[in-house]
PDB file of all heavy atoms in Angstrom:
ATOM      1  N   SER A   1     -17.228 -45.604   2.822  1.00  0.00           N
ATOM      2  CA  SER A   1     -16.177 -46.295   3.411  1.00  0.00           C
ATOM      3  C   SER A   1     -14.877 -46.407   2.319  1.00  0.00           C
ATOM      4  O   SER A   1     -15.079 -46.161   1.234  1.00  0.00           O
ATOM      5  CB  SER A   1     -16.609 -47.723   3.862  1.00  0.00           C
ATOM      6  OG  SER A   1     -16.914 -48.568   2.769  1.00  0.00           O
ATOM      7  N   GLY A   2     -13.802 -46.815   3.002  1.00  0.00           N
ATOM      8  CA  GLY A   2     -12.687 -47.034   2.219  1.00  0.00           C
ATOM      9  C   GLY A   2     -11.623 -46.065   2.145  1.00  0.00           C
ATOM     10  O   GLY A   2     -10.503 -46.285   1.722  1.00  0.00           O
ATOM     11  N   GLY A   3     -11.776 -45.051   2.954  1.00  0.00           N
ATOM     12  CA  GLY A   3     -10.713 -43.933   3.122  1.00  0.00           C
ATOM     13  C   GLY A   3      -9.640 -44.458   3.999  1.00  0.00           C
ATOM     14  O   GLY A   3      -9.778 -45.438   4.656  1.00  0.00           O
ATOM     15  N   GLY A   4      -8.479 -43.896   3.805  1.00  0.00           N
ATOM     16  CA  GLY A   4      -7.296 -44.345   4.639  1.00  0.00           C
ATOM     17  C   GLY A   4      -6.129 -43.600   4.175  1.00  0.00           C
ATOM     18  O   GLY A   4      -6.029 -42.638   3.376  1.00  0.00           O
ATOM     19  N   LEU A   5      -4.971 -44.160   4.638  1.00  0.00           N
ATOM     20  CA  LEU A   5      -3.622 -43.620   4.257  1.00  0.00           C
ATOM     21  C   LEU A   5      -3.272 -44.121   2.934  1.00  0.00           C
ATOM     22  O   LEU A   5      -3.321 -45.291   2.615  1.00  0.00           O
ATOM     23  CB  LEU A   5      -2.598 -43.942   5.273  1.00  0.00           C
ATOM     24  CG  LEU A   5      -2.807 -43.367   6.776  1.00  0.00           C
ATOM     25  CD1 LEU A   5      -1.784 -43.846   7.628  1.00  0.00           C
ATOM     26  CD2 LEU A   5      -2.734 -41.740   6.634  1.00  0.00           C
ATOM     27  N   VAL A   6      -2.777 -43.201   2.070  1.00  0.00           N
ATOM     28  CA  VAL A   6      -2.305 -43.647   0.782  1.00  0.00           C
ATOM     29  C   VAL A   6      -1.070 -42.764   0.357  1.00  0.00           C
ATOM     30  O   VAL A   6      -1.033 -41.529   0.667  1.00  0.00           O
ATOM     31  CB  VAL A   6      -3.333 -43.645  -0.290  1.00  0.00           C
ATOM     32  CG1 VAL A   6      -3.954 -42.233  -0.452  1.00  0.00           C
ATOM     33  CG2 VAL A   6      -2.912 -44.137  -1.599  1.00  0.00           C
ATOM     34  N   HIS A   7      -0.040 -43.384  -0.312  1.00  0.00           N
ATOM     35  CA  HIS A   7       1.114 -42.687  -0.792  1.00  0.00           C
ATOM     36  C   HIS A   7       0.669 -41.779  -1.938  1.00  0.00           C
ATOM     37  O   HIS A   7      -0.291 -42.086  -2.677  1.00  0.00           O
ATOM     38  CB  HIS A   7       2.144 -43.644  -1.266  1.00  0.00           C
ATOM     39  CG  HIS A   7       3.110 -44.144  -0.133  1.00  0.00           C
ATOM     40  ND1 HIS A   7       4.043 -43.255   0.363  1.00  0.00           N
ATOM     41  CD2 HIS A   7       3.361 -45.318   0.288  1.00  0.00           C
ATOM     42  CE1 HIS A   7       4.634 -43.916   1.311  1.00  0.00           C
ATOM     43  NE2 HIS A   7       4.307 -45.186   1.260  1.00  0.00           N
ATOM     44  N   ALA A   8       1.395 -40.642  -2.072  1.00  0.00           N
ATOM     45  CA  ALA A   8       1.121 -39.700  -3.232  1.00  0.00           C
ATOM     46  C   ALA A   8       1.539 -40.754  -4.486  1.00  0.00           C
ATOM     47  O   ALA A   8       2.448 -41.293  -4.421  1.00  0.00           O
ATOM     48  CB  ALA A   8       2.128 -38.564  -3.193  1.00  0.00           C
ATOM     49  N   GLY A   9       0.787 -40.689  -5.441  1.00  0.00           N
ATOM     50  CA  GLY A   9       0.839 -41.500  -6.541  1.00  0.00           C
ATOM     51  C   GLY A   9       0.215 -42.865  -6.540  1.00  0.00           C
ATOM     52  O   GLY A   9       0.207 -43.654  -7.408  1.00  0.00           O
ATOM     53  N   GLY A  10      -0.329 -43.216  -5.266  1.00  0.00           N
ATOM     54  CA  GLY A  10      -0.982 -44.406  -4.985  1.00  0.00           C
ATOM     55  C   GLY A  10      -2.452 -44.537  -5.348  1.00  0.00           C
ATOM     56  O   GLY A  10      -2.973 -43.618  -6.000  1.00  0.00           O
ATOM     57  N   ALA A  11      -3.078 -45.582  -5.036  1.00  0.00           N
ATOM     58  CA  ALA A  11      -4.441 -45.769  -5.428  1.00  0.00           C
ATOM     59  C   ALA A  11      -5.331 -46.179  -4.209  1.00  0.00           C
ATOM     60  O   ALA A  11      -4.794 -46.770  -3.217  1.00  0.00           O
ATOM     61  CB  ALA A  11      -4.597 -46.975  -6.534  1.00  0.00           C
ATOM     62  N   LEU A  12      -6.567 -45.813  -4.325  1.00  0.00           N
ATOM     63  CA  LEU A  12      -7.522 -46.045  -3.288  1.00  0.00           C
ATOM     64  C   LEU A  12      -8.948 -46.300  -3.892  1.00  0.00           C
ATOM     65  O   LEU A  12      -9.220 -45.595  -4.882  1.00  0.00           O
ATOM     66  CB  LEU A  12      -7.555 -44.896  -2.310  1.00  0.00           C
ATOM     67  CG  LEU A  12      -8.138 -45.249  -0.904  1.00  0.00           C
ATOM     68  CD1 LEU A  12      -7.253 -46.339  -0.185  1.00  0.00           C
ATOM     69  CD2 LEU A  12      -8.031 -43.905  -0.079  1.00  0.00           C
ATOM     70  N   ARG A  13      -9.714 -47.026  -3.322  1.00  0.00           N
ATOM     71  CA  ARG A  13     -11.111 -47.169  -3.805  1.00  0.00           C
ATOM     72  C   ARG A  13     -12.150 -46.911  -2.624  1.00  0.00           C
ATOM     73  O   ARG A  13     -11.942 -47.553  -1.544  1.00  0.00           O
ATOM     74  CB  ARG A  13     -11.414 -48.565  -4.394  1.00  0.00           C
ATOM     75  CG  ARG A  13     -12.780 -48.686  -4.945  1.00  0.00           C
ATOM     76  CD  ARG A  13     -13.066 -50.196  -5.450  1.00  0.00           C
ATOM     77  NE  ARG A  13     -13.455 -51.127  -4.433  1.00  0.00           N
ATOM     78  CZ  ARG A  13     -13.931 -52.295  -4.716  1.00  0.00           C
ATOM     79  NH1 ARG A  13     -14.089 -52.650  -5.983  1.00  0.00           N
ATOM     80  NH2 ARG A  13     -14.164 -53.040  -3.633  1.00  0.00           N
ATOM     81  N   LEU A  14     -13.001 -45.971  -2.890  1.00  0.00           N
ATOM     82  CA  LEU A  14     -13.968 -45.641  -1.909  1.00  0.00           C
ATOM     83  C   LEU A  14     -15.270 -46.210  -2.263  1.00  0.00           C
ATOM     84  O   LEU A  14     -15.625 -46.471  -3.542  1.00  0.00           O
ATOM     85  CB  LEU A  14     -14.178 -44.109  -1.785  1.00  0.00           C
ATOM     86  CG  LEU A  14     -12.915 -43.351  -1.497  1.00  0.00           C
ATOM     87  CD1 LEU A  14     -13.304 -41.843  -1.516  1.00  0.00           C
ATOM     88  CD2 LEU A  14     -12.240 -43.812  -0.161  1.00  0.00           C
ATOM     89  N   SER A  15     -16.134 -46.583  -1.334  1.00  0.00           N
ATOM     90  CA  SER A  15     -17.456 -47.218  -1.610  1.00  0.00           C
ATOM     91  C   SER A  15     -18.439 -46.304  -1.043  1.00  0.00           C
ATOM     92  O   SER A  15     -18.414 -45.705  -0.046  1.00  0.00           O
ATOM     93  CB  SER A  15     -17.497 -48.573  -0.840  1.00  0.00           C
ATOM     94  OG  SER A  15     -16.464 -49.436  -1.366  1.00  0.00           O
ATOM     95  N   CYS A  16     -19.645 -46.306  -1.766  1.00  0.00           N
ATOM     96  CA  CYS A  16     -20.788 -45.593  -1.273  1.00  0.00           C
ATOM     97  C   CYS A  16     -21.885 -46.553  -1.415  1.00  0.00           C
ATOM     98  O   CYS A  16     -22.304 -47.011  -2.474  1.00  0.00           O
ATOM     99  CB  CYS A  16     -21.119 -44.430  -2.209  1.00  0.00           C
ATOM    100  SG  CYS A  16     -22.670 -43.528  -1.910  1.00  0.00           S
ATOM    101  N   VAL A  17     -22.353 -47.194  -0.243  1.00  0.00           N
ATOM    102  CA  VAL A  17     -23.412 -48.146  -0.320  1.00  0.00           C
ATOM    103  C   VAL A  17     -24.764 -47.428   0.100  1.00  0.00           C
ATOM    104  O   VAL A  17     -24.851 -46.638   1.034  1.00  0.00           O
ATOM    105  CB  VAL A  17     -23.159 -49.151   0.797  1.00  0.00           C
ATOM    106  CG1 VAL A  17     -24.195 -50.224   0.894  1.00  0.00           C
ATOM    107  CG2 VAL A  17     -21.878 -49.783   0.636  1.00  0.00           C
ATOM    108  N   GLY A  18     -25.693 -47.832  -0.759  1.00  0.00           N
ATOM    109  CA  GLY A  18     -27.044 -47.200  -0.513  1.00  0.00           C
ATOM    110  C   GLY A  18     -27.960 -48.233   0.140  1.00  0.00           C
ATOM    111  O   GLY A  18     -27.852 -49.418   0.026  1.00  0.00           O
ATOM    112  N   SER A  19     -28.852 -47.687   0.922  1.00  0.00           N
ATOM    113  CA  SER A  19     -29.879 -48.543   1.541  1.00  0.00           C
ATOM    114  C   SER A  19     -31.272 -47.857   1.566  1.00  0.00           C
ATOM    115  O   SER A  19     -31.238 -46.594   1.494  1.00  0.00           O
ATOM    116  CB  SER A  19     -29.520 -48.987   2.967  1.00  0.00           C
ATOM    117  OG  SER A  19     -29.434 -47.754   3.765  1.00  0.00           O
ATOM    118  N   GLY A  20     -32.311 -48.508   1.536  1.00  0.00           N
ATOM    119  CA  GLY A  20     -33.637 -47.899   1.536  1.00  0.00           C
ATOM    120  C   GLY A  20     -34.202 -47.572   0.246  1.00  0.00           C
ATOM    121  O   GLY A  20     -35.375 -47.336   0.075  1.00  0.00           O
ATOM    122  N   ASP A  21     -33.416 -47.625  -0.775  1.00  0.00           N
ATOM    123  CA  ASP A  21     -33.774 -47.495  -2.267  1.00  0.00           C
ATOM    124  C   ASP A  21     -32.776 -48.121  -3.051  1.00  0.00           C
ATOM    125  O   ASP A  21     -31.640 -48.239  -2.729  1.00  0.00           O
ATOM    126  CB  ASP A  21     -34.148 -46.084  -2.537  1.00  0.00           C
ATOM    127  CG  ASP A  21     -35.024 -45.890  -3.721  1.00  0.00           C
ATOM    128  OD1 ASP A  21     -35.386 -46.963  -4.363  1.00  0.00           O
ATOM    129  OD2 ASP A  21     -35.475 -44.813  -3.970  1.00  0.00           O
ATOM    130  N   THR A  22     -33.135 -48.376  -4.331  1.00  0.00           N
ATOM    131  CA  THR A  22     -32.086 -48.851  -5.318  1.00  0.00           C
ATOM    132  C   THR A  22     -31.407 -47.603  -5.881  1.00  0.00           C
ATOM    133  O   THR A  22     -31.832 -46.697  -6.483  1.00  0.00           O
ATOM    134  CB  THR A  22     -32.824 -49.690  -6.413  1.00  0.00           C
ATOM    135  OG1 THR A  22     -33.891 -48.861  -7.007  1.00  0.00           O
ATOM    136  CG2 THR A  22     -33.396 -50.997  -5.990  1.00  0.00           C
ATOM    137  N   LEU A  23     -30.104 -47.795  -5.758  1.00  0.00           N
ATOM    138  CA  LEU A  23     -29.162 -46.706  -6.025  1.00  0.00           C
ATOM    139  C   LEU A  23     -29.102 -46.393  -7.607  1.00  0.00           C
ATOM    140  O   LEU A  23     -28.742 -45.326  -7.971  1.00  0.00           O
ATOM    141  CB  LEU A  23     -27.784 -46.965  -5.464  1.00  0.00           C
ATOM    142  CG  LEU A  23     -26.874 -45.674  -5.163  1.00  0.00           C
ATOM    143  CD1 LEU A  23     -27.727 -44.720  -4.329  1.00  0.00           C
ATOM    144  CD2 LEU A  23     -25.610 -46.151  -4.408  1.00  0.00           C
ATOM    145  N   ASP A  24     -29.453 -47.375  -8.381  1.00  0.00           N
ATOM    146  CA  ASP A  24     -29.214 -47.284  -9.798  1.00  0.00           C
ATOM    147  C   ASP A  24     -30.299 -46.305 -10.337  1.00  0.00           C
ATOM    148  O   ASP A  24     -30.314 -45.985 -11.531  1.00  0.00           O
ATOM    149  CB  ASP A  24     -29.322 -48.620 -10.457  1.00  0.00           C
ATOM    150  CG  ASP A  24     -30.607 -49.339 -10.371  1.00  0.00           C
ATOM    151  OD1 ASP A  24     -31.530 -48.785  -9.732  1.00  0.00           O
ATOM    152  OD2 ASP A  24     -30.707 -50.475 -10.894  1.00  0.00           O
ATOM    153  N   GLN A  25     -31.258 -45.963  -9.636  1.00  0.00           N
ATOM    154  CA  GLN A  25     -32.288 -44.954 -10.012  1.00  0.00           C
ATOM    155  C   GLN A  25     -31.897 -43.476  -9.729  1.00  0.00           C
ATOM    156  O   GLN A  25     -32.546 -42.493 -10.145  1.00  0.00           O
ATOM    157  CB  GLN A  25     -33.653 -45.201  -9.239  1.00  0.00           C
ATOM    158  CG  GLN A  25     -34.207 -46.484  -9.610  1.00  0.00           C
ATOM    159  CD  GLN A  25     -34.582 -46.802 -11.101  1.00  0.00           C
ATOM    160  OE1 GLN A  25     -35.050 -45.988 -11.715  1.00  0.00           O
ATOM    161  NE2 GLN A  25     -34.157 -47.968 -11.633  1.00  0.00           N
ATOM    162  N   TRP A  26     -30.769 -43.362  -9.088  1.00  0.00           N
ATOM    163  CA  TRP A  26     -30.338 -42.111  -8.505  1.00  0.00           C
ATOM    164  C   TRP A  26     -29.082 -41.678  -9.220  1.00  0.00           C
ATOM    165  O   TRP A  26     -28.236 -42.402  -9.582  1.00  0.00           O
ATOM    166  CB  TRP A  26     -30.073 -42.148  -7.033  1.00  0.00           C
ATOM    167  CG  TRP A  26     -31.254 -42.464  -6.226  1.00  0.00           C
ATOM    168  CD1 TRP A  26     -32.033 -43.601  -6.190  1.00  0.00           C
ATOM    169  CD2 TRP A  26     -31.949 -41.537  -5.225  1.00  0.00           C
ATOM    170  NE1 TRP A  26     -33.009 -43.517  -5.301  1.00  0.00           N
ATOM    171  CE2 TRP A  26     -33.033 -42.286  -4.708  1.00  0.00           C
ATOM    172  CE3 TRP A  26     -31.660 -40.186  -4.820  1.00  0.00           C
ATOM    173  CZ2 TRP A  26     -33.747 -41.689  -3.720  1.00  0.00           C
ATOM    174  CZ3 TRP A  26     -32.461 -39.678  -3.853  1.00  0.00           C
ATOM    175  CH2 TRP A  26     -33.533 -40.376  -3.287  1.00  0.00           C
ATOM    176  N   SER A  27     -29.026 -40.338  -9.408  1.00  0.00           N
ATOM    177  CA  SER A  27     -27.664 -39.693  -9.786  1.00  0.00           C
ATOM    178  C   SER A  27     -26.775 -39.638  -8.528  1.00  0.00           C
ATOM    179  O   SER A  27     -27.278 -39.234  -7.420  1.00  0.00           O
ATOM    180  CB  SER A  27     -27.915 -38.171 -10.217  1.00  0.00           C
ATOM    181  OG  SER A  27     -28.770 -38.297 -11.452  1.00  0.00           O
ATOM    182  N   VAL A  28     -25.619 -39.984  -8.705  1.00  0.00           N
ATOM    183  CA  VAL A  28     -24.634 -40.169  -7.478  1.00  0.00           C
ATOM    184  C   VAL A  28     -23.410 -39.255  -7.932  1.00  0.00           C
ATOM    185  O   VAL A  28     -22.824 -39.401  -8.867  1.00  0.00           O
ATOM    186  CB  VAL A  28     -24.237 -41.600  -7.203  1.00  0.00           C
ATOM    187  CG1 VAL A  28     -23.173 -41.616  -6.078  1.00  0.00           C
ATOM    188  CG2 VAL A  28     -25.539 -42.348  -6.892  1.00  0.00           C
ATOM    189  N   GLY A  29     -23.056 -38.338  -7.073  1.00  0.00           N
ATOM    190  CA  GLY A  29     -21.875 -37.528  -7.184  1.00  0.00           C
ATOM    191  C   GLY A  29     -20.927 -37.802  -6.030  1.00  0.00           C
ATOM    192  O   GLY A  29     -21.220 -38.272  -4.997  1.00  0.00           O
ATOM    193  N   TRP A  30     -19.636 -37.436  -6.228  1.00  0.00           N
ATOM    194  CA  TRP A  30     -18.620 -37.567  -5.233  1.00  0.00           C
ATOM    195  C   TRP A  30     -18.058 -36.100  -5.072  1.00  0.00           C
ATOM    196  O   TRP A  30     -17.804 -35.361  -6.045  1.00  0.00           O
ATOM    197  CB  TRP A  30     -17.500 -38.587  -5.744  1.00  0.00           C
ATOM    198  CG  TRP A  30     -17.752 -39.945  -5.543  1.00  0.00           C
ATOM    199  CD1 TRP A  30     -18.310 -40.783  -6.582  1.00  0.00           C
ATOM    200  CD2 TRP A  30     -17.634 -40.712  -4.342  1.00  0.00           C
ATOM    201  NE1 TRP A  30     -18.523 -41.965  -5.981  1.00  0.00           N
ATOM    202  CE2 TRP A  30     -18.170 -42.036  -4.642  1.00  0.00           C
ATOM    203  CE3 TRP A  30     -17.303 -40.498  -3.141  1.00  0.00           C
ATOM    204  CZ2 TRP A  30     -18.190 -43.042  -3.767  1.00  0.00           C
ATOM    205  CZ3 TRP A  30     -17.151 -41.557  -2.198  1.00  0.00           C
ATOM    206  CH2 TRP A  30     -17.621 -42.747  -2.535  1.00  0.00           C
ATOM    207  N   PHE A  31     -17.844 -35.871  -3.823  1.00  0.00           N
ATOM    208  CA  PHE A  31     -17.250 -34.526  -3.322  1.00  0.00           C
ATOM    209  C   PHE A  31     -16.211 -34.791  -2.452  1.00  0.00           C
ATOM    210  O   PHE A  31     -16.112 -35.803  -1.781  1.00  0.00           O
ATOM    211  CB  PHE A  31     -18.395 -33.666  -2.689  1.00  0.00           C
ATOM    212  CG  PHE A  31     -19.577 -33.318  -3.533  1.00  0.00           C
ATOM    213  CD1 PHE A  31     -20.574 -34.263  -3.896  1.00  0.00           C
ATOM    214  CD2 PHE A  31     -19.596 -32.042  -4.046  1.00  0.00           C
ATOM    215  CE1 PHE A  31     -21.566 -33.946  -4.894  1.00  0.00           C
ATOM    216  CE2 PHE A  31     -20.649 -31.731  -4.878  1.00  0.00           C
ATOM    217  CZ  PHE A  31     -21.562 -32.505  -5.236  1.00  0.00           C
ATOM    218  N   ARG A  32     -15.346 -33.785  -2.234  1.00  0.00           N
ATOM    219  CA  ARG A  32     -14.248 -33.859  -1.245  1.00  0.00           C
ATOM    220  C   ARG A  32     -14.041 -32.441  -0.678  1.00  0.00           C
ATOM    221  O   ARG A  32     -14.481 -31.425  -1.225  1.00  0.00           O
ATOM    222  CB  ARG A  32     -12.935 -34.296  -1.843  1.00  0.00           C
ATOM    223  CG  ARG A  32     -12.375 -33.388  -2.911  1.00  0.00           C
ATOM    224  CD  ARG A  32     -11.210 -33.965  -3.680  1.00  0.00           C
ATOM    225  NE  ARG A  32     -10.696 -33.221  -4.850  1.00  0.00           N
ATOM    226  CZ  ARG A  32      -9.843 -33.596  -5.600  1.00  0.00           C
ATOM    227  NH1 ARG A  32      -9.268 -34.782  -5.444  1.00  0.00           N
ATOM    228  NH2 ARG A  32      -9.474 -32.842  -6.623  1.00  0.00           N
ATOM    229  N   GLN A  33     -13.574 -32.468   0.533  1.00  0.00           N
ATOM    230  CA  GLN A  33     -13.460 -31.174   1.366  1.00  0.00           C
ATOM    231  C   GLN A  33     -12.213 -31.430   2.233  1.00  0.00           C
ATOM    232  O   GLN A  33     -12.055 -32.255   2.982  1.00  0.00           O
ATOM    233  CB  GLN A  33     -14.692 -31.016   2.238  1.00  0.00           C
ATOM    234  CG  GLN A  33     -14.645 -29.693   2.908  1.00  0.00           C
ATOM    235  CD  GLN A  33     -15.983 -29.358   3.566  1.00  0.00           C
ATOM    236  OE1 GLN A  33     -16.775 -30.248   3.954  1.00  0.00           O
ATOM    237  NE2 GLN A  33     -16.254 -28.044   3.732  1.00  0.00           N
ATOM    238  N   ALA A  34     -11.315 -30.338   2.034  1.00  0.00           N
ATOM    239  CA  ALA A  34     -10.081 -30.198   2.758  1.00  0.00           C
ATOM    240  C   ALA A  34     -10.473 -29.426   3.986  1.00  0.00           C
ATOM    241  O   ALA A  34     -11.229 -28.641   3.913  1.00  0.00           O
ATOM    242  CB  ALA A  34      -8.960 -29.607   2.071  1.00  0.00           C
ATOM    243  N   PRO A  35      -9.597 -29.575   5.030  1.00  0.00           N
ATOM    244  CA  PRO A  35      -9.923 -28.777   6.250  1.00  0.00           C
ATOM    245  C   PRO A  35      -9.884 -27.329   5.963  1.00  0.00           C
ATOM    246  O   PRO A  35      -8.845 -26.796   5.306  1.00  0.00           O
ATOM    247  CB  PRO A  35      -8.763 -29.187   7.149  1.00  0.00           C
ATOM    248  CG  PRO A  35      -8.386 -30.667   6.806  1.00  0.00           C
ATOM    249  CD  PRO A  35      -8.486 -30.592   5.294  1.00  0.00           C
ATOM    250  N   GLY A  36     -10.862 -26.587   6.422  1.00  0.00           N
ATOM    251  CA  GLY A  36     -10.906 -25.173   6.242  1.00  0.00           C
ATOM    252  C   GLY A  36     -11.235 -24.684   4.890  1.00  0.00           C
ATOM    253  O   GLY A  36     -11.218 -23.445   4.543  1.00  0.00           O
ATOM    254  N   LYS A  37     -11.612 -25.555   3.792  1.00  0.00           N
ATOM    255  CA  LYS A  37     -11.926 -25.290   2.606  1.00  0.00           C
ATOM    256  C   LYS A  37     -13.314 -25.672   2.117  1.00  0.00           C
ATOM    257  O   LYS A  37     -13.955 -26.371   2.830  1.00  0.00           O
ATOM    258  CB  LYS A  37     -10.829 -25.885   1.615  1.00  0.00           C
ATOM    259  CG  LYS A  37      -9.389 -25.494   1.852  1.00  0.00           C
ATOM    260  CD  LYS A  37      -8.625 -25.405   0.673  1.00  0.00           C
ATOM    261  CE  LYS A  37      -7.371 -24.938   0.974  1.00  0.00           C
ATOM    262  NZ  LYS A  37      -6.374 -25.153  -0.175  1.00  0.00           N
ATOM    263  N   GLU A  38     -13.752 -25.028   1.117  1.00  0.00           N
ATOM    264  CA  GLU A  38     -15.088 -25.310   0.587  1.00  0.00           C
ATOM    265  C   GLU A  38     -15.122 -26.805  -0.049  1.00  0.00           C
ATOM    266  O   GLU A  38     -14.085 -27.313  -0.444  1.00  0.00           O
ATOM    267  CB  GLU A  38     -15.392 -24.354  -0.660  1.00  0.00           C
ATOM    268  CG  GLU A  38     -15.412 -22.897  -0.333  1.00  0.00           C
ATOM    269  CD  GLU A  38     -16.807 -22.628   0.139  1.00  0.00           C
ATOM    270  OE1 GLU A  38     -17.854 -23.227  -0.350  1.00  0.00           O
ATOM    271  OE2 GLU A  38     -16.829 -21.741   1.104  1.00  0.00           O
ATOM    272  N   ARG A  39     -16.286 -27.312   0.061  1.00  0.00           N
ATOM    273  CA  ARG A  39     -16.457 -28.602  -0.501  1.00  0.00           C
ATOM    274  C   ARG A  39     -16.407 -28.575  -2.070  1.00  0.00           C
ATOM    275  O   ARG A  39     -16.944 -27.625  -2.676  1.00  0.00           O
ATOM    276  CB  ARG A  39     -17.867 -29.249  -0.089  1.00  0.00           C
ATOM    277  CG  ARG A  39     -18.053 -30.654  -0.471  1.00  0.00           C
ATOM    278  CD  ARG A  39     -19.440 -31.061   0.093  1.00  0.00           C
ATOM    279  NE  ARG A  39     -20.486 -30.143  -0.121  1.00  0.00           N
ATOM    280  CZ  ARG A  39     -21.649 -30.053   0.579  1.00  0.00           C
ATOM    281  NH1 ARG A  39     -21.834 -30.944   1.552  1.00  0.00           N
ATOM    282  NH2 ARG A  39     -22.660 -29.196   0.174  1.00  0.00           N
ATOM    283  N   GLU A  40     -15.761 -29.635  -2.645  1.00  0.00           N
ATOM    284  CA  GLU A  40     -15.515 -29.599  -4.091  1.00  0.00           C
ATOM    285  C   GLU A  40     -16.109 -30.780  -4.730  1.00  0.00           C
ATOM    286  O   GLU A  40     -15.777 -31.957  -4.340  1.00  0.00           O
ATOM    287  CB  GLU A  40     -14.084 -29.538  -4.344  1.00  0.00           C
ATOM    288  CG  GLU A  40     -13.594 -29.767  -5.849  1.00  0.00           C
ATOM    289  CD  GLU A  40     -12.141 -30.148  -6.015  1.00  0.00           C
ATOM    290  OE1 GLU A  40     -11.448 -30.339  -4.907  1.00  0.00           O
ATOM    291  OE2 GLU A  40     -11.662 -30.126  -7.152  1.00  0.00           O
ATOM    292  N   GLY A  41     -16.946 -30.594  -5.671  1.00  0.00           N
ATOM    293  CA  GLY A  41     -17.599 -31.735  -6.330  1.00  0.00           C
ATOM    294  C   GLY A  41     -16.703 -31.919  -7.616  1.00  0.00           C
ATOM    295  O   GLY A  41     -16.214 -31.029  -8.286  1.00  0.00           O
ATOM    296  N   PHE A  42     -16.441 -33.267  -7.978  1.00  0.00           N
ATOM    297  CA  PHE A  42     -15.537 -33.519  -9.011  1.00  0.00           C
ATOM    298  C   PHE A  42     -15.989 -34.633  -9.852  1.00  0.00           C
ATOM    299  O   PHE A  42     -15.350 -34.876 -10.981  1.00  0.00           O
ATOM    300  CB  PHE A  42     -14.118 -33.829  -8.505  1.00  0.00           C
ATOM    301  CG  PHE A  42     -14.146 -34.999  -7.578  1.00  0.00           C
ATOM    302  CD1 PHE A  42     -14.011 -36.240  -7.930  1.00  0.00           C
ATOM    303  CD2 PHE A  42     -14.173 -34.707  -6.283  1.00  0.00           C
ATOM    304  CE1 PHE A  42     -13.959 -37.309  -7.136  1.00  0.00           C
ATOM    305  CE2 PHE A  42     -14.144 -35.690  -5.285  1.00  0.00           C
ATOM    306  CZ  PHE A  42     -14.153 -37.075  -5.792  1.00  0.00           C
ATOM    307  N   SER A  43     -17.124 -35.396  -9.735  1.00  0.00           N
ATOM    308  CA  SER A  43     -17.497 -36.375 -10.483  1.00  0.00           C
ATOM    309  C   SER A  43     -19.009 -36.824 -10.226  1.00  0.00           C
ATOM    310  O   SER A  43     -19.440 -36.609  -9.074  1.00  0.00           O
ATOM    311  CB  SER A  43     -16.631 -37.630 -10.455  1.00  0.00           C
ATOM    312  OG  SER A  43     -16.768 -38.353  -9.209  1.00  0.00           O
ATOM    313  N   TYR A  44     -19.670 -37.407 -11.102  1.00  0.00           N
ATOM    314  CA  TYR A  44     -20.918 -37.871 -10.917  1.00  0.00           C
ATOM    315  C   TYR A  44     -21.349 -39.012 -11.948  1.00  0.00           C
ATOM    316  O   TYR A  44     -20.652 -38.954 -13.142  1.00  0.00           O
ATOM    317  CB  TYR A  44     -21.994 -36.810 -10.919  1.00  0.00           C
ATOM    318  CG  TYR A  44     -22.664 -36.474 -12.204  1.00  0.00           C
ATOM    319  CD1 TYR A  44     -23.957 -36.705 -12.471  1.00  0.00           C
ATOM    320  CD2 TYR A  44     -21.896 -35.676 -13.123  1.00  0.00           C
ATOM    321  CE1 TYR A  44     -24.544 -36.444 -13.621  1.00  0.00           C
ATOM    322  CE2 TYR A  44     -22.522 -35.271 -14.318  1.00  0.00           C
ATOM    323  CZ  TYR A  44     -23.891 -35.729 -14.611  1.00  0.00           C
ATOM    324  OH  TYR A  44     -24.447 -35.324 -15.802  1.00  0.00           O
TER     325      TYR A  44
END
């Protein structure tokens, strides 16, 4: 959650909430995908 409209040069915070298990035991990565493009991984 947390996506929305933001100005170029602005800031935004996204959240990834885990359920069913404790997330601190897991590797977590963030990916993004533009329309018509390949999904891109950029952090973990």
